[in-house]
């Protein structure tokens, strides 16, 4: 299993001075002249948007106090380079350079995806189904690239084997139950947390295929333009090998997942039985997350959860 704990939580986390940021970018893009903005969203990496004559580029730096096995800039570089070689039309960042700059600073210089993340920009209702179908298509194309070079790199941890899932799914359900209780949100499922955990474990097929997953192609990493049109998918640093269906779990609104699945199915050949065997589990986990977030769609998530359990 993958270690998710931060290795050095007390390490200094300074914002790099502008001249150092520009110096790193200049190694790969001539004429870098201004740091336009710094993303301080608090994730495992800090990003600097830099103006250059060839357009804005992004300098991504691993934050030392949030160093963990689960996240790897090197893994992201290998993944993005492979995607660029196999399917260059995919709307994902292109790597311009990667390395270390002393003081333990690991960095990647990459192209910028136009627009903004859905979590910040929102998604107009009229554009929502089309954007989600387009995202489903992108995810399917990511999953379809040859896997051997990624597996051979040794950088992609294997997660969620059948044996792992049968252990971790009951734990995940219990974690959701505990989180809901802490927020005084009633348990939404017709089964108890213990029974739901057993139900989820029983739905795991014996040998689900695994591919390199994005792991979080949700609103945080999905970019759209002001009209709501999909412009790209970012942040592949948490990638690992797992069942493809798990990449459809990050959208909590059931109607969003339907649109996502439509685009995913339309992009490739018929999906195997193992995909559909795990789909109800993905639906349940996403619905629990939707209820936990207590947003406007929480009631829809709770209703859909009962529907899924009633049909399986």
C-alpha atoms as a PDB file:
ATOM      1  CA  UNK A   1       0.000   0.000   0.000  1.00  0.00           C
ATOM      2  CA  UNK A   2       1.089   3.583  -0.634  1.00  0.00           C
ATOM      3  CA  UNK A   3       2.336   5.719   2.247  1.00  0.00           C
ATOM      4  CA  UNK A   4       0.322   8.933   2.324  1.00  0.00           C
ATOM      5  CA  UNK A   5       1.973  10.558   5.336  1.00  0.00           C
ATOM      6  CA  UNK A   6       4.212  13.576   4.873  1.00  0.00           C
ATOM      7  CA  UNK A   7       7.842  12.694   5.546  1.00  0.00           C
ATOM      8  CA  UNK A   8       9.116  16.060   6.784  1.00  0.00           C
ATOM      9  CA  UNK A   9       6.159  18.203   7.873  1.00  0.00           C
ATOM     10  CA  UNK A  10       8.392  20.685   9.688  1.00  0.00           C
ATOM     11  CA  UNK A  11      10.622  21.510   6.707  1.00  0.00           C
ATOM     12  CA  UNK A  12      10.836  25.166   5.610  1.00  0.00           C
ATOM     13  CA  UNK A  13       8.506  26.082   2.766  1.00  0.00           C
ATOM     14  CA  UNK A  14       9.732  29.393   1.361  1.00  0.00           C
ATOM     15  CA  UNK A  15       8.255  31.094  -1.674  1.00  0.00           C
ATOM     16  CA  UNK A  16      11.055  31.331  -4.228  1.00  0.00           C
ATOM     17  CA  UNK A  17      12.193  34.867  -5.090  1.00  0.00           C
ATOM     18  CA  UNK A  18      11.204  36.075  -8.539  1.00  0.00           C
ATOM     19  CA  UNK A  19      14.746  36.125  -9.899  1.00  0.00           C
ATOM     20  CA  UNK A  20      15.239  32.470  -8.991  1.00  0.00           C
ATOM     21  CA  UNK A  21      11.922  31.490 -10.601  1.00  0.00           C
ATOM     22  CA  UNK A  22      12.829  33.361 -13.782  1.00  0.00           C
ATOM     23  CA  UNK A  23      16.314  31.824 -13.777  1.00  0.00           C
ATOM     24  CA  UNK A  24      14.915  28.291 -13.688  1.00  0.00           C
ATOM     25  CA  UNK A  25      12.404  28.973 -16.454  1.00  0.00           C
ATOM     26  CA  UNK A  26      15.083  30.666 -18.596  1.00  0.00           C
ATOM     27  CA  UNK A  27      16.925  27.351 -18.819  1.00  0.00           C
ATOM     28  CA  UNK A  28      14.125  26.046 -21.018  1.00  0.00           C
ATOM     29  CA  UNK A  29      12.256  29.100 -22.351  1.00  0.00           C
ATOM     30  CA  UNK A  30      14.188  32.184 -23.400  1.00  0.00           C
ATOM     31  CA  UNK A  31      12.921  35.617 -22.442  1.00  0.00           C
ATOM     32  CA  UNK A  32      11.050  34.812 -19.221  1.00  0.00           C
ATOM     33  CA  UNK A  33      10.394  38.285 -17.871  1.00  0.00           C
ATOM     34  CA  UNK A  34       7.751  38.296 -15.114  1.00  0.00           C
ATOM     35  CA  UNK A  35       6.174  36.126 -12.433  1.00  0.00           C
ATOM     36  CA  UNK A  36       2.520  36.862 -13.054  1.00  0.00           C
ATOM     37  CA  UNK A  37       1.048  34.940 -10.123  1.00  0.00           C
ATOM     38  CA  UNK A  38       1.722  32.291  -7.477  1.00  0.00           C
ATOM     39  CA  UNK A  39      -0.770  29.552  -6.674  1.00  0.00           C
ATOM     40  CA  UNK A  40      -1.023  29.201  -2.902  1.00  0.00           C
ATOM     41  CA  UNK A  41      -3.835  26.644  -2.816  1.00  0.00           C
ATOM     42  CA  UNK A  42      -1.960  24.584  -0.238  1.00  0.00           C
ATOM     43  CA  UNK A  43      -1.403  21.385  -2.210  1.00  0.00           C
ATOM     44  CA  UNK A  44       1.726  19.276  -2.441  1.00  0.00           C
ATOM     45  CA  UNK A  45       3.194  21.625  -5.041  1.00  0.00           C
ATOM     46  CA  UNK A  46       3.434  25.383  -5.464  1.00  0.00           C
ATOM     47  CA  UNK A  47       3.072  26.779  -8.973  1.00  0.00           C
ATOM     48  CA  UNK A  48       4.357  30.008 -10.459  1.00  0.00           C
ATOM     49  CA  UNK A  49       2.806  31.442 -13.625  1.00  0.00           C
ATOM     50  CA  UNK A  50       5.556  33.063 -15.688  1.00  0.00           C
ATOM     51  CA  UNK A  51       5.223  35.347 -18.719  1.00  0.00           C
ATOM     52  CA  UNK A  52       7.482  34.459 -21.669  1.00  0.00           C
ATOM     53  CA  UNK A  53       7.572  35.436 -25.366  1.00  0.00           C
ATOM     54  CA  UNK A  54       6.057  32.043 -26.292  1.00  0.00           C
ATOM     55  CA  UNK A  55       3.179  32.491 -23.875  1.00  0.00           C
ATOM     56  CA  UNK A  56       2.662  31.823 -20.190  1.00  0.00           C
ATOM     57  CA  UNK A  57       4.393  28.786 -18.719  1.00  0.00           C
ATOM     58  CA  UNK A  58       4.115  27.152 -15.305  1.00  0.00           C
ATOM     59  CA  UNK A  59       6.942  26.431 -12.885  1.00  0.00           C
ATOM     60  CA  UNK A  60       5.835  23.691 -10.499  1.00  0.00           C
ATOM     61  CA  UNK A  61       7.858  23.105  -7.340  1.00  0.00           C
ATOM     62  CA  UNK A  62       7.462  20.299  -4.809  1.00  0.00           C
ATOM     63  CA  UNK A  63       6.747  21.790  -1.376  1.00  0.00           C
ATOM     64  CA  UNK A  64       9.295  20.244   1.051  1.00  0.00           C
ATOM     65  CA  UNK A  65       6.967  20.000   4.053  1.00  0.00           C
ATOM     66  CA  UNK A  66       4.461  18.015   1.983  1.00  0.00           C
ATOM     67  CA  UNK A  67       6.837  15.472   0.498  1.00  0.00           C
ATOM     68  CA  UNK A  68       5.242  12.007   0.367  1.00  0.00           C
ATOM     69  CA  UNK A  69       5.414   8.795  -1.648  1.00  0.00           C
ATOM     70  CA  UNK A  70       1.890   9.388  -2.946  1.00  0.00           C
ATOM     71  CA  UNK A  71       3.007  12.464  -4.949  1.00  0.00           C
ATOM     72  CA  UNK A  72       5.950  12.658  -7.370  1.00  0.00           C
ATOM     73  CA  UNK A  73       6.952  15.356  -9.855  1.00  0.00           C
ATOM     74  CA  UNK A  74       9.189  12.831 -11.622  1.00  0.00           C
ATOM     75  CA  UNK A  75       6.243  10.463 -12.027  1.00  0.00           C
ATOM     76  CA  UNK A  76       4.165  13.285 -13.476  1.00  0.00           C
ATOM     77  CA  UNK A  77       6.919  14.123 -15.970  1.00  0.00           C
ATOM     78  CA  UNK A  78       7.173  10.499 -17.130  1.00  0.00           C
ATOM     79  CA  UNK A  79       3.385  10.273 -17.462  1.00  0.00           C
ATOM     80  CA  UNK A  80       3.006  13.558 -19.365  1.00  0.00           C
ATOM     81  CA  UNK A  81       5.926  12.775 -21.685  1.00  0.00           C
ATOM     82  CA  UNK A  82       4.386   9.384 -22.463  1.00  0.00           C
ATOM     83  CA  UNK A  83       0.995  10.944 -23.156  1.00  0.00           C
ATOM     84  CA  UNK A  84       2.592  13.541 -25.442  1.00  0.00           C
ATOM     85  CA  UNK A  85       4.363  10.826 -27.411  1.00  0.00           C
ATOM     86  CA  UNK A  86       1.382   8.488 -27.773  1.00  0.00           C
ATOM     87  CA  UNK A  87      -1.526  10.946 -28.033  1.00  0.00           C
ATOM     88  CA  UNK A  88      -0.186  14.480 -28.624  1.00  0.00           C
ATOM     89  CA  UNK A  89      -3.651  15.977 -29.052  1.00  0.00           C
ATOM     90  CA  UNK A  90      -4.604  15.240 -25.438  1.00  0.00           C
ATOM     91  CA  UNK A  91      -5.383  18.514 -23.593  1.00  0.00           C
ATOM     92  CA  UNK A  92      -2.794  18.099 -20.846  1.00  0.00           C
ATOM     93  CA  UNK A  93       0.332  20.117 -19.998  1.00  0.00           C
ATOM     94  CA  UNK A  94       3.505  19.574 -22.016  1.00  0.00           C
ATOM     95  CA  UNK A  95       6.753  19.245 -20.095  1.00  0.00           C
ATOM     96  CA  UNK A  96       9.434  21.762 -21.071  1.00  0.00           C
ATOM     97  CA  UNK A  97      11.984  20.843 -18.422  1.00  0.00           C
ATOM     98  CA  UNK A  98      12.503  19.061 -15.105  1.00  0.00           C
ATOM     99  CA  UNK A  99      15.299  18.936 -12.575  1.00  0.00           C
ATOM    100  CA  UNK A 100      16.674  20.061  -9.221  1.00  0.00           C
ATOM    101  CA  UNK A 101      17.923  23.521  -8.322  1.00  0.00           C
ATOM    102  CA  UNK A 102      19.844  23.082  -5.098  1.00  0.00           C
ATOM    103  CA  UNK A 103      18.458  23.333  -1.547  1.00  0.00           C
ATOM    104  CA  UNK A 104      16.313  20.307  -2.323  1.00  0.00           C
ATOM    105  CA  UNK A 105      14.149  22.216  -4.815  1.00  0.00           C
ATOM    106  CA  UNK A 106      12.665  19.864  -7.416  1.00  0.00           C
ATOM    107  CA  UNK A 107      10.844  21.573 -10.270  1.00  0.00           C
ATOM    108  CA  UNK A 108       9.001  21.071 -13.534  1.00  0.00           C
ATOM    109  CA  UNK A 109       8.542  23.694 -16.232  1.00  0.00           C
ATOM    110  CA  UNK A 110       5.442  23.032 -18.333  1.00  0.00           C
ATOM    111  CA  UNK A 111       2.952  24.656 -20.652  1.00  0.00           C
ATOM    112  CA  UNK A 112      -0.114  26.322 -19.226  1.00  0.00           C
ATOM    113  CA  UNK A 113      -3.636  24.987 -19.722  1.00  0.00           C
ATOM    114  CA  UNK A 114      -5.908  27.899 -20.652  1.00  0.00           C
ATOM    115  CA  UNK A 115      -8.872  28.742 -18.440  1.00  0.00           C
ATOM    116  CA  UNK A 116      -9.388  27.909 -14.788  1.00  0.00           C
ATOM    117  CA  UNK A 117     -10.297  24.963 -12.598  1.00  0.00           C
ATOM    118  CA  UNK A 118     -13.995  24.160 -12.313  1.00  0.00           C
ATOM    119  CA  UNK A 119     -13.743  24.448  -8.529  1.00  0.00           C
ATOM    120  CA  UNK A 120     -12.965  28.150  -8.972  1.00  0.00           C
ATOM    121  CA  UNK A 121     -14.540  29.033 -12.310  1.00  0.00           C
ATOM    122  CA  UNK A 122     -17.740  27.081 -11.912  1.00  0.00           C
ATOM    123  CA  UNK A 123     -19.479  25.311 -14.764  1.00  0.00           C
ATOM    124  CA  UNK A 124     -22.537  26.871 -16.433  1.00  0.00           C
ATOM    125  CA  UNK A 125     -25.537  24.555 -16.327  1.00  0.00           C
ATOM    126  CA  UNK A 126     -25.953  24.621 -20.099  1.00  0.00           C
ATOM    127  CA  UNK A 127     -22.323  23.616 -20.666  1.00  0.00           C
ATOM    128  CA  UNK A 128     -22.057  21.060 -17.876  1.00  0.00           C
ATOM    129  CA  UNK A 129     -23.071  17.821 -19.669  1.00  0.00           C
ATOM    130  CA  UNK A 130     -20.903  18.569 -22.700  1.00  0.00           C
ATOM    131  CA  UNK A 131     -17.872  19.446 -20.558  1.00  0.00           C
ATOM    132  CA  UNK A 132     -18.232  16.261 -18.501  1.00  0.00           C
ATOM    133  CA  UNK A 133     -18.635  14.088 -21.590  1.00  0.00           C
ATOM    134  CA  UNK A 134     -15.494  15.673 -23.034  1.00  0.00           C
ATOM    135  CA  UNK A 135     -13.655  14.969 -19.768  1.00  0.00           C
ATOM    136  CA  UNK A 136     -14.819  11.337 -19.850  1.00  0.00           C
ATOM    137  CA  UNK A 137     -13.341  11.027 -23.328  1.00  0.00           C
ATOM    138  CA  UNK A 138     -10.024  12.499 -22.157  1.00  0.00           C
ATOM    139  CA  UNK A 139      -9.846  10.103 -19.198  1.00  0.00           C
ATOM    140  CA  UNK A 140     -10.515   7.104 -21.468  1.00  0.00           C
ATOM    141  CA  UNK A 141      -7.726   8.231 -23.825  1.00  0.00           C
ATOM    142  CA  UNK A 142      -5.348   8.566 -20.865  1.00  0.00           C
ATOM    143  CA  UNK A 143      -6.217   5.034 -19.776  1.00  0.00           C
ATOM    144  CA  UNK A 144      -5.772   3.703 -23.324  1.00  0.00           C
ATOM    145  CA  UNK A 145      -2.066   4.529 -23.739  1.00  0.00           C
ATOM    146  CA  UNK A 146       0.364   1.578 -23.681  1.00  0.00           C
ATOM    147  CA  UNK A 147       1.078   0.722 -20.070  1.00  0.00           C
ATOM    148  CA  UNK A 148       4.394  -1.141 -20.347  1.00  0.00           C
ATOM    149  CA  UNK A 149       6.648   1.978 -20.406  1.00  0.00           C
ATOM    150  CA  UNK A 150       4.905   3.398 -17.344  1.00  0.00           C
ATOM    151  CA  UNK A 151       5.099   0.141 -15.422  1.00  0.00           C
ATOM    152  CA  UNK A 152       8.759  -0.304 -16.426  1.00  0.00           C
ATOM    153  CA  UNK A 153       9.655   3.126 -15.010  1.00  0.00           C
ATOM    154  CA  UNK A 154       9.177   1.821 -11.474  1.00  0.00           C
ATOM    155  CA  UNK A 155       7.585   5.160 -10.539  1.00  0.00           C
ATOM    156  CA  UNK A 156       3.935   4.101 -10.541  1.00  0.00           C
ATOM    157  CA  UNK A 157       2.838   2.425  -7.308  1.00  0.00           C
ATOM    158  CA  UNK A 158       0.332  -0.393  -7.552  1.00  0.00           C
ATOM    159  CA  UNK A 159      -2.803   0.334  -5.590  1.00  0.00           C
ATOM    160  CA  UNK A 160      -6.239  -1.182  -5.275  1.00  0.00           C
ATOM    161  CA  UNK A 161      -5.576  -4.769  -6.252  1.00  0.00           C
ATOM    162  CA  UNK A 162      -8.516  -7.063  -5.513  1.00  0.00           C
ATOM    163  CA  UNK A 163      -6.955  -8.045  -2.179  1.00  0.00           C
ATOM    164  CA  UNK A 164      -6.271  -4.401  -1.286  1.00  0.00           C
ATOM    165  CA  UNK A 165      -9.788  -3.298  -2.155  1.00  0.00           C
ATOM    166  CA  UNK A 166     -11.405  -5.981  -0.029  1.00  0.00           C
ATOM    167  CA  UNK A 167      -9.496  -4.627   2.951  1.00  0.00           C
ATOM    168  CA  UNK A 168      -9.591  -0.894   2.255  1.00  0.00           C
ATOM    169  CA  UNK A 169     -13.186  -0.461   1.076  1.00  0.00           C
ATOM    170  CA  UNK A 170     -14.709  -1.320   4.486  1.00  0.00           C
ATOM    171  CA  UNK A 171     -12.163   1.042   6.051  1.00  0.00           C
ATOM    172  CA  UNK A 172     -13.143   3.799   3.609  1.00  0.00           C
ATOM    173  CA  UNK A 173     -16.833   3.358   4.424  1.00  0.00           C
ATOM    174  CA  UNK A 174     -16.070   3.517   8.133  1.00  0.00           C
ATOM    175  CA  UNK A 175     -14.051   6.707   7.596  1.00  0.00           C
ATOM    176  CA  UNK A 176     -17.028   8.283   5.829  1.00  0.00           C
ATOM    177  CA  UNK A 177     -19.351   7.202   8.642  1.00  0.00           C
ATOM    178  CA  UNK A 178     -17.038   8.728  11.247  1.00  0.00           C
ATOM    179  CA  UNK A 179     -16.731  11.973   9.267  1.00  0.00           C
ATOM    180  CA  UNK A 180     -20.502  12.219   8.869  1.00  0.00           C
ATOM    181  CA  UNK A 181     -21.017  11.636  12.585  1.00  0.00           C
ATOM    182  CA  UNK A 182     -18.511  14.366  13.468  1.00  0.00           C
ATOM    183  CA  UNK A 183     -20.547  16.800  11.369  1.00  0.00           C
ATOM    184  CA  UNK A 184     -23.876  15.609  12.770  1.00  0.00           C
ATOM    185  CA  UNK A 185     -24.992  14.445   9.319  1.00  0.00           C
ATOM    186  CA  UNK A 186     -27.326  11.428   9.495  1.00  0.00           C
ATOM    187  CA  UNK A 187     -26.029   8.202   7.972  1.00  0.00           C
ATOM    188  CA  UNK A 188     -27.669   8.160   4.506  1.00  0.00           C
ATOM    189  CA  UNK A 189     -27.458   4.497   3.501  1.00  0.00           C
ATOM    190  CA  UNK A 190     -30.103   1.821   4.105  1.00  0.00           C
ATOM    191  CA  UNK A 191     -27.268  -0.492   5.243  1.00  0.00           C
ATOM    192  CA  UNK A 192     -25.169   0.070   8.359  1.00  0.00           C
ATOM    193  CA  UNK A 193     -21.553   1.191   7.790  1.00  0.00           C
ATOM    194  CA  UNK A 194     -20.359  -2.326   8.622  1.00  0.00           C
ATOM    195  CA  UNK A 195     -22.840  -3.945   6.234  1.00  0.00           C
ATOM    196  CA  UNK A 196     -22.064  -1.419   3.507  1.00  0.00           C
ATOM    197  CA  UNK A 197     -18.352  -2.110   3.880  1.00  0.00           C
ATOM    198  CA  UNK A 198     -18.985  -5.832   3.438  1.00  0.00           C
ATOM    199  CA  UNK A 199     -21.235  -5.102   0.452  1.00  0.00           C
ATOM    200  CA  UNK A 200     -18.478  -3.065  -1.199  1.00  0.00           C
ATOM    201  CA  UNK A 201     -15.856  -5.767  -0.587  1.00  0.00           C
ATOM    202  CA  UNK A 202     -18.191  -8.414  -2.033  1.00  0.00           C
ATOM    203  CA  UNK A 203     -18.466  -6.423  -5.280  1.00  0.00           C
ATOM    204  CA  UNK A 204     -14.734  -6.557  -6.008  1.00  0.00           C
ATOM    205  CA  UNK A 205     -13.976  -8.861  -8.979  1.00  0.00           C
ATOM    206  CA  UNK A 206     -11.117 -11.287  -8.602  1.00  0.00           C
ATOM    207  CA  UNK A 207      -8.739  -9.733 -11.093  1.00  0.00           C
ATOM    208  CA  UNK A 208      -9.627  -6.180 -12.145  1.00  0.00           C
ATOM    209  CA  UNK A 209      -7.236  -4.825 -14.805  1.00  0.00           C
ATOM    210  CA  UNK A 210      -5.083  -1.886 -13.771  1.00  0.00           C
ATOM    211  CA  UNK A 211      -3.846   1.102 -15.712  1.00  0.00           C
ATOM    212  CA  UNK A 212      -2.056   4.303 -14.801  1.00  0.00           C
ATOM    213  CA  UNK A 213      -4.762   6.524 -13.325  1.00  0.00           C
ATOM    214  CA  UNK A 214      -4.847  10.273 -12.912  1.00  0.00           C
ATOM    215  CA  UNK A 215      -6.516   9.568  -9.509  1.00  0.00           C
ATOM    216  CA  UNK A 216      -8.264  12.940  -9.127  1.00  0.00           C
ATOM    217  CA  UNK A 217      -9.705  14.174 -12.434  1.00  0.00           C
ATOM    218  CA  UNK A 218     -12.293  16.162 -10.513  1.00  0.00           C
ATOM    219  CA  UNK A 219     -13.277  19.851 -10.281  1.00  0.00           C
ATOM    220  CA  UNK A 220      -9.899  20.848  -8.823  1.00  0.00           C
ATOM    221  CA  UNK A 221      -7.894  19.647 -11.826  1.00  0.00           C
ATOM    222  CA  UNK A 222     -10.415  19.987 -14.663  1.00  0.00           C
ATOM    223  CA  UNK A 223     -10.011  23.291 -16.541  1.00  0.00           C
ATOM    224  CA  UNK A 224     -12.662  25.103 -18.561  1.00  0.00           C
ATOM    225  CA  UNK A 225     -12.874  28.383 -20.454  1.00  0.00           C
ATOM    226  CA  UNK A 226     -15.373  31.134 -19.490  1.00  0.00           C
ATOM    227  CA  UNK A 227     -18.081  29.485 -21.587  1.00  0.00           C
ATOM    228  CA  UNK A 228     -17.645  26.163 -19.758  1.00  0.00           C
ATOM    229  CA  UNK A 229     -15.870  24.339 -22.574  1.00  0.00           C
ATOM    230  CA  UNK A 230     -13.291  21.806 -21.396  1.00  0.00           C
ATOM    231  CA  UNK A 231      -9.738  23.070 -21.985  1.00  0.00           C
ATOM    232  CA  UNK A 232      -7.661  20.459 -20.207  1.00  0.00           C
ATOM    233  CA  UNK A 233      -6.715  18.244 -17.290  1.00  0.00           C
ATOM    234  CA  UNK A 234      -3.761  19.016 -15.014  1.00  0.00           C
ATOM    235  CA  UNK A 235      -1.774  17.545 -12.110  1.00  0.00           C
ATOM    236  CA  UNK A 236      -0.738  13.955 -12.797  1.00  0.00           C
ATOM    237  CA  UNK A 237       1.654  13.745  -9.840  1.00  0.00           C
ATOM    238  CA  UNK A 238      -0.574  11.434  -7.779  1.00  0.00           C
ATOM    239  CA  UNK A 239      -0.845   8.809 -10.518  1.00  0.00           C
ATOM    240  CA  UNK A 240      -0.762   5.114  -9.662  1.00  0.00           C
ATOM    241  CA  UNK A 241      -1.815   1.787 -11.149  1.00  0.00           C
ATOM    242  CA  UNK A 242      -5.382   0.855 -10.377  1.00  0.00           C
ATOM    243  CA  UNK A 243      -8.751  -0.208 -11.868  1.00  0.00           C
ATOM    244  CA  UNK A 244      -9.816   2.317 -14.540  1.00  0.00           C
ATOM    245  CA  UNK A 245     -13.283   2.859 -13.077  1.00  0.00           C
ATOM    246  CA  UNK A 246     -11.755   4.488  -9.982  1.00  0.00           C
ATOM    247  CA  UNK A 247     -10.986   7.611 -12.012  1.00  0.00           C
ATOM    248  CA  UNK A 248     -14.730   8.277 -12.299  1.00  0.00           C
ATOM    249  CA  UNK A 249     -15.292   8.729  -8.560  1.00  0.00           C
ATOM    250  CA  UNK A 250     -14.345  12.384  -8.072  1.00  0.00           C
ATOM    251  CA  UNK A 251     -17.568  13.979  -9.290  1.00  0.00           C
ATOM    252  CA  UNK A 252     -20.164  13.741  -6.530  1.00  0.00           C
ATOM    253  CA  UNK A 253     -23.257  14.781  -8.506  1.00  0.00           C
ATOM    254  CA  UNK A 254     -24.844  11.621 -10.018  1.00  0.00           C
ATOM    255  CA  UNK A 255     -25.816  13.473 -13.204  1.00  0.00           C
ATOM    256  CA  UNK A 256     -22.189  14.557 -13.629  1.00  0.00           C
ATOM    257  CA  UNK A 257     -21.012  10.957 -13.392  1.00  0.00           C
ATOM    258  CA  UNK A 258     -23.590   9.885 -15.978  1.00  0.00           C
ATOM    259  CA  UNK A 259     -22.246  12.455 -18.435  1.00  0.00           C
ATOM    260  CA  UNK A 260     -18.664  11.482 -17.582  1.00  0.00           C
ATOM    261  CA  UNK A 261     -19.455   7.810 -18.203  1.00  0.00           C
ATOM    262  CA  UNK A 262     -21.156   8.626 -21.517  1.00  0.00           C
ATOM    263  CA  UNK A 263     -17.990  10.295 -22.776  1.00  0.00           C
ATOM    264  CA  UNK A 264     -15.816   7.505 -21.386  1.00  0.00           C
ATOM    265  CA  UNK A 265     -17.848   4.768 -23.070  1.00  0.00           C
ATOM    266  CA  UNK A 266     -18.086   6.603 -26.393  1.00  0.00           C
ATOM    267  CA  UNK A 267     -14.318   6.974 -26.729  1.00  0.00           C
ATOM    268  CA  UNK A 268     -13.335   3.318 -26.887  1.00  0.00           C
ATOM    269  CA  UNK A 269     -14.390  -0.329 -27.221  1.00  0.00           C
ATOM    270  CA  UNK A 270     -16.944  -2.041 -25.022  1.00  0.00           C
ATOM    271  CA  UNK A 271     -15.966  -1.930 -21.377  1.00  0.00           C
ATOM    272  CA  UNK A 272     -15.165  -5.269 -19.676  1.00  0.00           C
ATOM    273  CA  UNK A 273     -17.356  -6.908 -17.013  1.00  0.00           C
ATOM    274  CA  UNK A 274     -14.800  -6.054 -14.303  1.00  0.00           C
ATOM    275  CA  UNK A 275     -15.381  -2.363 -14.998  1.00  0.00           C
ATOM    276  CA  UNK A 276     -19.119  -2.695 -14.469  1.00  0.00           C
ATOM    277  CA  UNK A 277     -18.646  -4.928 -11.416  1.00  0.00           C
ATOM    278  CA  UNK A 278     -16.830  -2.104  -9.609  1.00  0.00           C
ATOM    279  CA  UNK A 279     -19.035   0.704 -10.904  1.00  0.00           C
ATOM    280  CA  UNK A 280     -21.636   0.428  -8.090  1.00  0.00           C
ATOM    281  CA  UNK A 281     -18.834   0.696  -5.533  1.00  0.00           C
ATOM    282  CA  UNK A 282     -17.553   3.852  -7.204  1.00  0.00           C
ATOM    283  CA  UNK A 283     -21.083   5.252  -7.221  1.00  0.00           C
ATOM    284  CA  UNK A 284     -21.520   4.568  -3.507  1.00  0.00           C
ATOM    285  CA  UNK A 285     -18.201   6.145  -2.548  1.00  0.00           C
ATOM    286  CA  UNK A 286     -18.935   9.227  -4.657  1.00  0.00           C
ATOM    287  CA  UNK A 287     -22.424   9.528  -3.167  1.00  0.00           C
ATOM    288  CA  UNK A 288     -21.058   9.315   0.375  1.00  0.00           C
ATOM    289  CA  UNK A 289     -18.601  12.065  -0.466  1.00  0.00           C
ATOM    290  CA  UNK A 290     -21.445  14.144  -1.900  1.00  0.00           C
ATOM    291  CA  UNK A 291     -23.439  13.791   1.304  1.00  0.00           C
ATOM    292  CA  UNK A 292     -20.369  14.607   3.389  1.00  0.00           C
ATOM    293  CA  UNK A 293     -19.748  17.845   1.494  1.00  0.00           C
ATOM    294  CA  UNK A 294     -23.243  18.968   2.468  1.00  0.00           C
ATOM    295  CA  UNK A 295     -23.612  21.055  -0.674  1.00  0.00           C
ATOM    296  CA  UNK A 296     -26.694  21.782  -2.756  1.00  0.00           C
ATOM    297  CA  UNK A 297     -26.548  18.313  -4.311  1.00  0.00           C
ATOM    298  CA  UNK A 298     -26.292  16.370  -1.022  1.00  0.00           C
ATOM    299  CA  UNK A 299     -29.927  15.283  -1.168  1.00  0.00           C
ATOM    300  CA  UNK A 300     -29.437  14.056  -4.743  1.00  0.00           C
ATOM    301  CA  UNK A 301     -26.402  12.055  -3.624  1.00  0.00           C
ATOM    302  CA  UNK A 302     -28.308  10.479  -0.712  1.00  0.00           C
ATOM    303  CA  UNK A 303     -31.231   9.535  -2.956  1.00  0.00           C
ATOM    304  CA  UNK A 304     -28.924   8.051  -5.587  1.00  0.00           C
ATOM    305  CA  UNK A 305     -27.058   6.077  -2.924  1.00  0.00           C
ATOM    306  CA  UNK A 306     -30.275   4.371  -1.827  1.00  0.00           C
ATOM    307  CA  UNK A 307     -31.135   3.692  -5.476  1.00  0.00           C
ATOM    308  CA  UNK A 308     -27.762   2.031  -6.191  1.00  0.00           C
ATOM    309  CA  UNK A 309     -28.024  -0.200  -3.137  1.00  0.00           C
ATOM    310  CA  UNK A 310     -31.582  -1.125  -4.025  1.00  0.00           C
ATOM    311  CA  UNK A 311     -30.554  -2.305  -7.479  1.00  0.00           C
ATOM    312  CA  UNK A 312     -27.563  -4.493  -6.543  1.00  0.00           C
END
